[in-house]
Amino acid sequence: MPEEVLLKHKIALGLIPRIGDINARKLVSHFGNVESIFHESYRALTKIPGIGSGLAKYISDHSYLNTAEKEAEYVTKHNIRTFFYLDNDYPYRLRQCDDSPVVFFFKGNCDLNASRIISIVGTRSATSGGKEICEKIIAGLAAGHPDLIIISGLAYGIDITSHKAALSNNLQTVGVLAHGFKTIYPAIHKPVADAMLKNGGLLTDFFSDALPERNNFIKRNRVIAGLSDATLVVQSGKKGGALITADIANSYNRDVFAVPGRPEDQWSAGCNQLIKSNKAALIENSDDIEYFLNWTPEKLRPPVQRTLFSDLDDSEKSIYELLSGESEMTIDSICRSLDMPVFKLSSLLLQMEFKGLIKCYPGNLYRIS
C-alpha cells in the first residue's frame, strides 16, 4: 500500500469519535493492520468484543477517511512527521504507556528516543524565585549533560521558563501542545516556539485545526509525562495541571521530583504535598536529579560568555541602551519608547535573553542581566 494511503488510514483511526487510544489498539490487534478496519462492514464490527453498535456506526462512517486525507496533505505540505504507535521510531518511553497516543504529530529536529529526557512543569503564576531555581537546575543539568532534552507545555510560568532556559543553555527542548499546529497558544510565545523548531521541536496529538480547549490541556499531560525519564515539578498550588502530570508520571512508574518551599507559600503547597505523601523526591539542585537518576555528568563545559555589545545589531543596541537607563520596563513600554512593532520586539528580546544580556520577569518585565 502506498505510504500516503497508509498515512491516511493511520490518521483516520484517531478521528473516530469515542474510540480512544486503548480501543484503537484493540481494533488494530484484531484486524492485524490499520487499513482493514475501514474495509469492514458495520455488521462485522458489531460482533467485535467491546465495540458495540454505537462505535461500529462511527467506524463504518467512511467520511473520516476524507477528513484524514486532508490532514495527511497538511502534515506532508508542512514537513510535519506523523508517528503511529506501531512505527519503529515511535518513542519507546511513550510506547510503554497504555494510553499513549495512537497517532501524534511532530515538527522539529530532535530524537524523541534520546538517552536522557526530563519533563519540567509547574504553575502558570510562577514567582521570580521559582523561575530562578528552574533556570539554575536546567543550567546545572546542561553543564553535565549536553545531550539532555527538556519537555514542557509552552504555557506561561514554569513551562516557558523551562523552554527558554534550555535554549539559553544550548539544550534541545520540546513543547507538547494542547491544540493543533495551525495555532500557537499563548500567541506571545510564538518566538520561543519558532526557536524551538530549530533546537528541539513541537509535538501534538491533536489535529491541525484543533483549538486550545480546556480538556485538551489535561489530555496532553499524559504525553509530557510519558515522553520522559522523570518529571520535575518546580512550583504548584494545591491543584493544577502540574500535579495531574505528576500523578500520571507516577502511574507510569516514572520518577517524580519536586522543589520544596516554605509552608506559607501558595505556590509551594502542591510540591510540599507531593513530597510529604512520598509521591515525589525532594529536589534542591541539579545534583539531586543526577543522583536519583544515576546520571554520570560529562566533563563540565566552560560557562557561556555573555555576548559582547559590539556583536549586537542596531535594534538590539537600542533596546539595551533603553533598558540600561531604567530599572525595568514592560514590553509595551519598550514598544512605545522605540516605536517598534511587538512581533519584532518579542523576537529581539528573546534573542537577547539567549545571549545573556537581559532577563524576563513576571508581568513581562525586562531588566538588564
Protein backbone atom coordinates (compact mmCIF):
# COMPACT_ATOMS: atom_id res chain seq x y z
CA MET A 1 0.00 0.00 0.00
CA PRO A 2 1.39 3.44 -0.92
CA GLU A 3 2.71 5.40 2.07
CA GLU A 4 0.31 8.32 1.55
CA VAL A 5 -2.69 5.93 1.65
CA LEU A 6 -1.39 4.20 4.77
CA LEU A 7 -0.83 7.61 6.40
CA LYS A 8 -4.46 8.50 5.69
CA HIS A 9 -5.68 5.36 7.46
CA LYS A 10 -3.42 5.94 10.47
CA ILE A 11 -4.74 9.47 10.85
CA ALA A 12 -8.36 8.37 10.31
CA LEU A 13 -8.10 5.96 13.23
CA GLY A 14 -7.50 8.92 15.53
CA LEU A 15 -10.52 10.79 14.10
CA ILE A 16 -13.17 8.23 15.07
CA PRO A 17 -15.29 9.65 17.94
CA ARG A 18 -15.30 7.80 21.29
CA ILE A 19 -12.78 5.21 20.16
CA GLY A 20 -9.91 6.32 22.38
CA ASP A 21 -6.31 5.17 22.26
CA ILE A 22 -6.90 1.86 24.05
CA ASN A 23 -9.82 0.70 21.84
CA ALA A 24 -7.89 1.80 18.76
CA ARG A 25 -5.10 -0.59 19.72
CA LYS A 26 -7.61 -3.40 20.22
CA LEU A 27 -9.00 -2.84 16.74
CA VAL A 28 -5.59 -2.91 15.08
CA SER A 29 -4.70 -6.05 17.04
CA HIS A 30 -7.98 -7.71 15.96
CA PHE A 31 -7.59 -6.92 12.26
CA GLY A 32 -3.81 -7.18 12.06
CA ASN A 33 -3.39 -3.79 10.37
CA VAL A 34 -4.99 -0.36 10.41
CA GLU A 35 -6.33 -0.22 6.84
CA SER A 36 -8.53 -3.34 7.26
CA ILE A 37 -10.55 -1.60 9.96
CA PHE A 38 -12.06 0.75 7.38
CA HIS A 39 -12.92 -2.06 4.96
CA GLU A 40 -15.03 -3.99 7.46
CA SER A 41 -18.83 -3.90 7.41
CA TYR A 42 -20.98 -2.46 10.16
CA ARG A 43 -22.42 -5.88 10.97
CA ALA A 44 -18.99 -7.46 11.34
CA LEU A 45 -17.77 -4.59 13.52
CA THR A 46 -20.65 -5.03 15.99
CA LYS A 47 -19.50 -8.59 16.67
CA ILE A 48 -16.08 -7.48 17.92
CA PRO A 49 -15.93 -7.61 21.75
CA GLY A 50 -16.04 -4.14 23.31
CA ILE A 51 -17.11 -2.31 20.14
CA GLY A 52 -20.90 -2.36 20.12
CA SER A 53 -23.36 -0.85 17.66
CA GLY A 54 -22.65 2.80 18.55
CA LEU A 55 -18.90 2.64 17.98
CA ALA A 56 -19.34 0.38 14.96
CA LYS A 57 -21.50 3.07 13.37
CA TYR A 58 -18.74 5.64 13.78
CA ILE A 59 -16.05 3.30 12.45
CA SER A 60 -18.06 2.39 9.35
CA ASP A 61 -18.61 6.07 8.51
CA HIS A 62 -16.01 6.48 5.80
CA SER A 63 -16.29 10.27 5.84
CA TYR A 64 -13.42 10.19 8.36
CA LEU A 65 -11.17 8.98 5.56
CA ASN A 66 -11.88 12.15 3.59
CA THR A 67 -11.04 14.32 6.62
CA ALA A 68 -7.92 12.24 7.25
CA GLU A 69 -6.81 12.70 3.64
CA LYS A 70 -6.91 16.48 4.05
CA GLU A 71 -4.96 16.21 7.32
CA ALA A 72 -2.38 13.99 5.61
CA GLU A 73 -1.96 16.60 2.89
CA TYR A 74 -1.48 19.33 5.53
CA VAL A 75 1.20 17.50 7.53
CA THR A 76 3.04 16.48 4.37
CA LYS A 77 2.99 20.02 2.99
CA HIS A 78 4.35 21.48 6.25
CA ASN A 79 7.03 18.82 6.85
CA ILE A 80 5.28 17.52 9.97
CA ARG A 81 6.18 13.97 10.94
CA THR A 82 3.41 11.55 11.86
CA PHE A 83 4.19 8.89 14.47
CA PHE A 84 1.98 5.78 14.65
CA TYR A 85 2.31 3.57 17.73
CA LEU A 86 3.48 0.57 15.68
CA ASP A 87 6.18 2.55 13.84
CA ASN A 88 9.75 1.55 14.66
CA ASP A 89 10.72 5.11 15.60
CA TYR A 90 7.73 5.70 17.89
CA PRO A 91 9.25 6.92 21.21
CA TYR A 92 9.91 3.82 23.28
CA ARG A 93 9.13 5.58 26.56
CA LEU A 94 5.71 6.61 25.26
CA ARG A 95 5.02 3.14 23.87
CA GLN A 96 5.26 1.77 27.42
CA CYS A 97 2.17 3.80 28.42
CA ASP A 98 -1.20 2.09 27.83
CA ASP A 99 -2.99 5.34 26.99
CA SER A 100 -0.30 6.94 24.84
CA PRO A 101 -1.47 8.47 21.54
CA VAL A 102 -2.06 6.02 18.72
CA VAL A 103 -1.07 8.88 16.41
CA PHE A 104 0.79 12.10 17.11
CA PHE A 105 2.49 14.80 15.07
CA PHE A 106 5.94 16.30 15.49
CA LYS A 107 7.82 19.15 13.89
CA GLY A 108 11.45 19.73 14.81
CA ASN A 109 14.91 18.24 14.66
CA CYS A 110 15.47 16.20 17.82
CA ASP A 111 15.48 12.48 18.60
CA LEU A 112 12.46 11.58 20.75
CA ASN A 113 14.30 8.41 21.73
CA ALA A 114 17.30 10.31 23.12
CA SER A 115 19.13 8.76 26.07
CA ARG A 116 18.14 11.49 28.54
CA ILE A 117 14.81 13.30 28.60
CA ILE A 118 13.22 15.12 31.53
CA SER A 119 9.89 16.95 31.80
CA ILE A 120 9.60 20.15 33.82
CA VAL A 121 6.19 21.51 34.79
CA GLY A 122 4.70 23.97 37.26
CA THR A 123 2.29 26.80 37.84
CA ARG A 124 1.47 29.41 35.24
CA SER A 125 1.80 32.01 38.02
CA ALA A 126 5.47 31.32 38.74
CA THR A 127 7.30 33.67 41.07
CA SER A 128 10.68 35.18 40.25
CA GLY A 129 12.21 32.77 42.79
CA GLY A 130 10.56 29.79 41.14
CA LYS A 131 11.81 30.84 37.74
CA GLU A 132 15.30 31.37 39.09
CA ILE A 133 15.59 27.91 40.63
CA CYS A 134 14.18 26.38 37.43
CA GLU A 135 16.86 28.17 35.41
CA LYS A 136 19.61 27.09 37.82
CA ILE A 137 18.56 23.44 37.72
CA ILE A 138 18.49 23.42 33.93
CA ALA A 139 21.84 25.20 33.70
CA GLY A 140 23.33 22.63 36.09
CA LEU A 141 21.95 19.71 34.09
CA ALA A 142 23.14 21.26 30.82
CA ALA A 143 26.69 21.57 32.12
CA GLY A 144 26.98 17.83 32.64
CA HIS A 145 24.51 16.51 30.06
CA PRO A 146 24.60 18.46 26.79
CA ASP A 147 22.51 15.72 25.14
CA LEU A 148 19.58 16.24 27.53
CA ILE A 149 16.14 17.13 26.13
CA ILE A 150 13.73 19.26 28.18
CA ILE A 151 9.99 18.63 27.74
CA SER A 152 7.29 21.08 28.81
CA GLY A 153 3.97 22.56 27.65
CA LEU A 154 4.77 26.05 26.27
CA ALA A 155 2.39 27.60 28.82
CA TYR A 156 3.02 30.68 30.95
CA GLY A 157 5.17 30.43 34.06
CA ILE A 158 7.40 27.43 34.67
CA ASP A 159 6.75 25.91 31.23
CA ILE A 160 8.05 28.82 29.18
CA THR A 161 10.86 29.41 31.68
CA SER A 162 11.98 25.82 31.13
CA HIS A 163 11.97 26.16 27.35
CA LYS A 164 13.87 29.46 27.44
CA ALA A 165 16.44 28.15 29.93
CA ALA A 166 17.01 25.07 27.79
CA LEU A 167 17.58 27.15 24.66
CA SER A 168 19.87 29.53 26.58
CA ASN A 169 21.99 26.55 27.64
CA ASN A 170 22.07 25.01 24.14
CA LEU A 171 19.79 22.14 25.12
CA GLN A 172 17.08 20.83 22.83
CA THR A 173 13.56 21.38 24.14
CA VAL A 174 10.16 20.08 23.03
CA GLY A 175 6.80 21.73 23.65
CA VAL A 176 3.76 19.45 23.91
CA LEU A 177 0.78 21.40 22.60
CA ALA A 178 -2.86 21.23 23.67
CA HIS A 179 -4.03 22.15 20.17
CA GLY A 180 -3.19 21.67 16.51
CA PHE A 181 -0.31 23.12 14.51
CA LYS A 182 -2.40 25.88 12.99
CA THR A 183 -2.40 27.57 16.41
CA ILE A 184 0.26 28.66 18.89
CA TYR A 185 -1.11 29.30 22.37
CA PRO A 186 -0.39 31.61 24.01
CA ALA A 187 0.43 33.66 20.91
CA ILE A 188 3.07 35.68 22.78
CA HIS A 189 5.19 32.52 22.97
CA LYS A 190 5.44 32.13 19.19
CA PRO A 191 9.03 33.49 19.01
CA VAL A 192 10.09 30.85 21.55
CA ALA A 193 8.18 28.17 19.63
CA ASP A 194 9.95 29.21 16.41
CA ALA A 195 13.33 28.95 18.16
CA MET A 196 12.40 25.51 19.48
CA LEU A 197 11.77 24.23 15.97
CA LYS A 198 15.47 24.85 15.29
CA ASN A 199 16.67 23.19 18.50
CA GLY A 200 14.06 20.69 19.63
CA GLY A 201 10.52 20.84 18.36
CA LEU A 202 6.78 20.97 18.89
CA LEU A 203 4.56 17.92 19.38
CA THR A 204 0.82 17.35 19.50
CA ASP A 205 -1.69 14.51 19.27
CA PHE A 206 -4.40 16.95 18.17
CA PHE A 207 -5.28 17.55 14.55
CA SER A 208 -4.15 20.72 12.82
CA ASP A 209 -7.30 22.82 13.31
CA ALA A 210 -7.93 21.79 16.94
CA LEU A 211 -8.21 24.79 19.29
CA PRO A 212 -6.76 25.06 22.84
CA GLU A 213 -9.82 23.87 24.74
CA ARG A 214 -9.70 23.23 28.50
CA ASN A 215 -9.85 19.43 28.36
CA ASN A 216 -7.04 19.32 25.82
CA PHE A 217 -4.56 20.59 28.40
CA ILE A 218 -5.40 17.73 30.77
CA LYS A 219 -5.15 15.20 27.94
CA ARG A 220 -1.76 16.42 26.72
CA ASN A 221 -0.27 15.98 30.23
CA ARG A 222 -0.03 12.21 29.66
CA VAL A 223 2.30 12.89 26.73
CA ILE A 224 4.51 15.22 28.79
CA ALA A 225 4.81 12.55 31.49
CA GLY A 226 5.17 9.63 29.09
CA LEU A 227 7.93 11.07 26.90
CA SER A 228 10.45 11.46 29.71
CA ASP A 229 12.54 9.56 32.24
CA ALA A 230 11.29 11.78 35.05
CA THR A 231 9.01 14.74 35.76
CA LEU A 232 10.13 17.71 37.85
CA VAL A 233 7.53 19.99 39.47
CA VAL A 234 9.10 23.35 40.31
CA GLN A 235 6.12 25.27 41.68
CA SER A 236 2.48 24.30 42.08
CA GLY A 237 -0.56 25.22 44.12
CA LYS A 238 -2.78 22.65 45.81
CA LYS A 239 -4.47 21.94 42.48
CA GLY A 240 -3.41 22.28 38.88
CA GLY A 241 -2.11 20.66 35.73
CA ALA A 242 1.38 20.14 37.16
CA LEU A 243 0.02 17.85 39.87
CA ILE A 244 -2.04 15.95 37.30
CA THR A 245 1.13 15.42 35.27
CA ALA A 246 2.95 14.21 38.41
CA ASP A 247 0.15 11.72 39.16
CA ILE A 248 0.26 10.42 35.59
CA ALA A 249 4.05 10.05 35.77
CA ASN A 250 3.66 8.05 38.99
CA SER A 251 1.10 5.80 37.29
CA TYR A 252 3.70 5.13 34.58
CA ASN A 253 6.25 4.20 37.27
CA ARG A 254 8.42 7.14 36.27
CA ASP A 255 10.46 9.19 38.73
CA VAL A 256 8.78 12.33 40.03
CA PHE A 257 10.72 15.19 41.65
CA ALA A 258 9.53 18.35 43.38
CA VAL A 259 11.19 21.53 44.60
CA PRO A 260 10.11 22.25 48.20
CA GLY A 261 9.10 25.64 49.56
CA ARG A 262 8.05 27.39 52.74
CA PRO A 263 4.79 26.13 54.30
CA GLU A 264 3.10 29.50 53.86
CA ASP A 265 3.98 29.84 50.16
CA GLN A 266 0.91 29.40 47.96
CA TRP A 267 2.89 28.07 45.02
CA SER A 268 4.82 25.55 47.12
CA ALA A 269 1.74 23.81 48.56
CA GLY A 270 1.47 21.29 45.74
CA CYS A 271 5.18 20.47 45.72
CA ASN A 272 5.29 20.09 49.51
CA GLN A 273 2.27 17.77 49.41
CA LEU A 274 3.89 15.59 46.73
CA ILE A 275 6.98 15.24 48.91
CA LYS A 276 5.02 14.63 52.15
CA SER A 277 2.92 11.90 50.51
CA ASN A 278 6.02 10.19 49.05
CA LYS A 279 4.83 10.87 45.52
CA ALA A 280 7.95 12.89 44.69
CA ALA A 281 11.57 13.07 45.76
CA LEU A 282 12.80 16.36 47.21
CA ILE A 283 14.99 18.27 44.77
CA GLU A 284 17.11 21.32 45.60
CA ASN A 285 19.51 21.38 42.65
CA SER A 286 20.65 19.53 39.55
CA ASP A 287 22.97 17.30 41.58
CA ASP A 288 19.93 15.76 43.28
CA ILE A 289 18.40 14.83 39.91
CA GLU A 290 21.67 13.29 38.74
CA TYR A 291 21.82 11.27 41.95
CA PHE A 292 18.27 9.89 41.73
CA LEU A 293 18.55 9.08 38.00
CA ASN A 294 22.12 7.77 38.34
CA TRP A 295 23.28 10.09 35.60
CA THR A 296 27.04 10.49 35.43
CA PRO A 297 27.81 14.04 34.26
CA GLU A 298 30.16 14.61 31.37
CA LYS A 299 33.20 16.83 31.81
CA LEU A 300 31.92 20.28 32.69
CA ARG A 301 31.80 22.68 29.79
CA PRO A 302 33.10 26.22 30.13
CA PRO A 303 30.35 28.71 31.00
CA VAL A 304 28.65 30.52 28.16
CA GLN A 305 30.10 34.01 27.86
CA ARG A 306 27.78 36.97 27.55
CA THR A 307 27.66 38.32 24.01
CA LEU A 308 29.81 41.40 23.54
CA PHE A 309 27.95 44.66 22.95
CA SER A 310 29.74 45.03 19.63
CA ASP A 311 28.05 41.83 18.41
CA LEU A 312 24.59 43.36 18.64
CA ASP A 313 22.72 44.79 15.67
CA ASP A 314 21.32 48.32 15.77
CA SER A 315 17.88 47.25 17.07
CA GLU A 316 19.39 45.19 19.88
CA LYS A 317 21.71 48.05 20.83
CA SER A 318 18.77 50.45 21.06
CA ILE A 319 16.90 48.02 23.34
CA TYR A 320 19.97 47.50 25.53
CA GLU A 321 20.62 51.23 25.82
CA LEU A 322 16.98 51.89 26.73
CA LEU A 323 16.94 49.22 29.45
CA SER A 324 20.30 50.38 30.77
CA GLY A 325 18.69 53.66 31.78
CA GLU A 326 15.74 52.01 33.56
CA SER A 327 15.46 49.57 36.45
CA GLU A 328 12.88 47.56 34.48
CA MET A 329 10.39 48.05 31.65
CA THR A 330 7.34 46.21 30.30
CA ILE A 331 7.27 45.06 26.69
CA ASP A 332 4.53 47.63 25.99
CA SER A 333 6.71 50.43 27.36
CA ILE A 334 9.64 49.33 25.21
CA CYS A 335 7.36 49.22 22.15
CA ARG A 336 6.21 52.79 22.73
CA SER A 337 9.68 54.12 23.52
CA LEU A 338 11.29 52.60 20.42
CA ASP A 339 8.23 52.79 18.15
CA MET A 340 8.77 49.14 17.30
CA PRO A 341 6.03 46.57 16.46
CA VAL A 342 5.50 43.99 19.20
CA PHE A 343 6.10 40.97 16.94
CA LYS A 344 9.58 42.27 16.03
CA LEU A 345 10.38 43.32 19.59
CA SER A 346 9.35 39.93 21.04
CA SER A 347 11.79 38.13 18.76
CA LEU A 348 14.63 40.54 19.57
CA LEU A 349 14.03 40.29 23.33
CA LEU A 350 14.11 36.52 23.11
CA GLN A 351 17.42 36.53 21.26
CA MET A 352 18.88 38.94 23.81
CA GLU A 353 17.76 36.61 26.62
CA PHE A 354 19.58 33.75 24.92
CA LYS A 355 22.70 35.92 24.72
CA GLY A 356 22.54 36.53 28.47
CA LEU A 357 22.02 40.30 28.11
CA ILE A 358 18.57 40.68 29.63
CA LYS A 359 16.13 38.71 31.75
CA CYS A 360 12.33 38.47 31.70
CA TYR A 361 10.43 38.65 34.99
CA PRO A 362 6.76 38.12 35.93
CA GLY A 363 4.43 40.60 34.26
CA ASN A 364 6.62 40.67 31.12
CA LEU A 365 9.10 42.97 32.83
CA TYR A 366 12.58 43.12 31.31
CA ARG A 367 15.81 44.09 33.05
CA ILE A 368 19.50 44.10 32.20
CA SER A 369 21.12 40.86 33.43
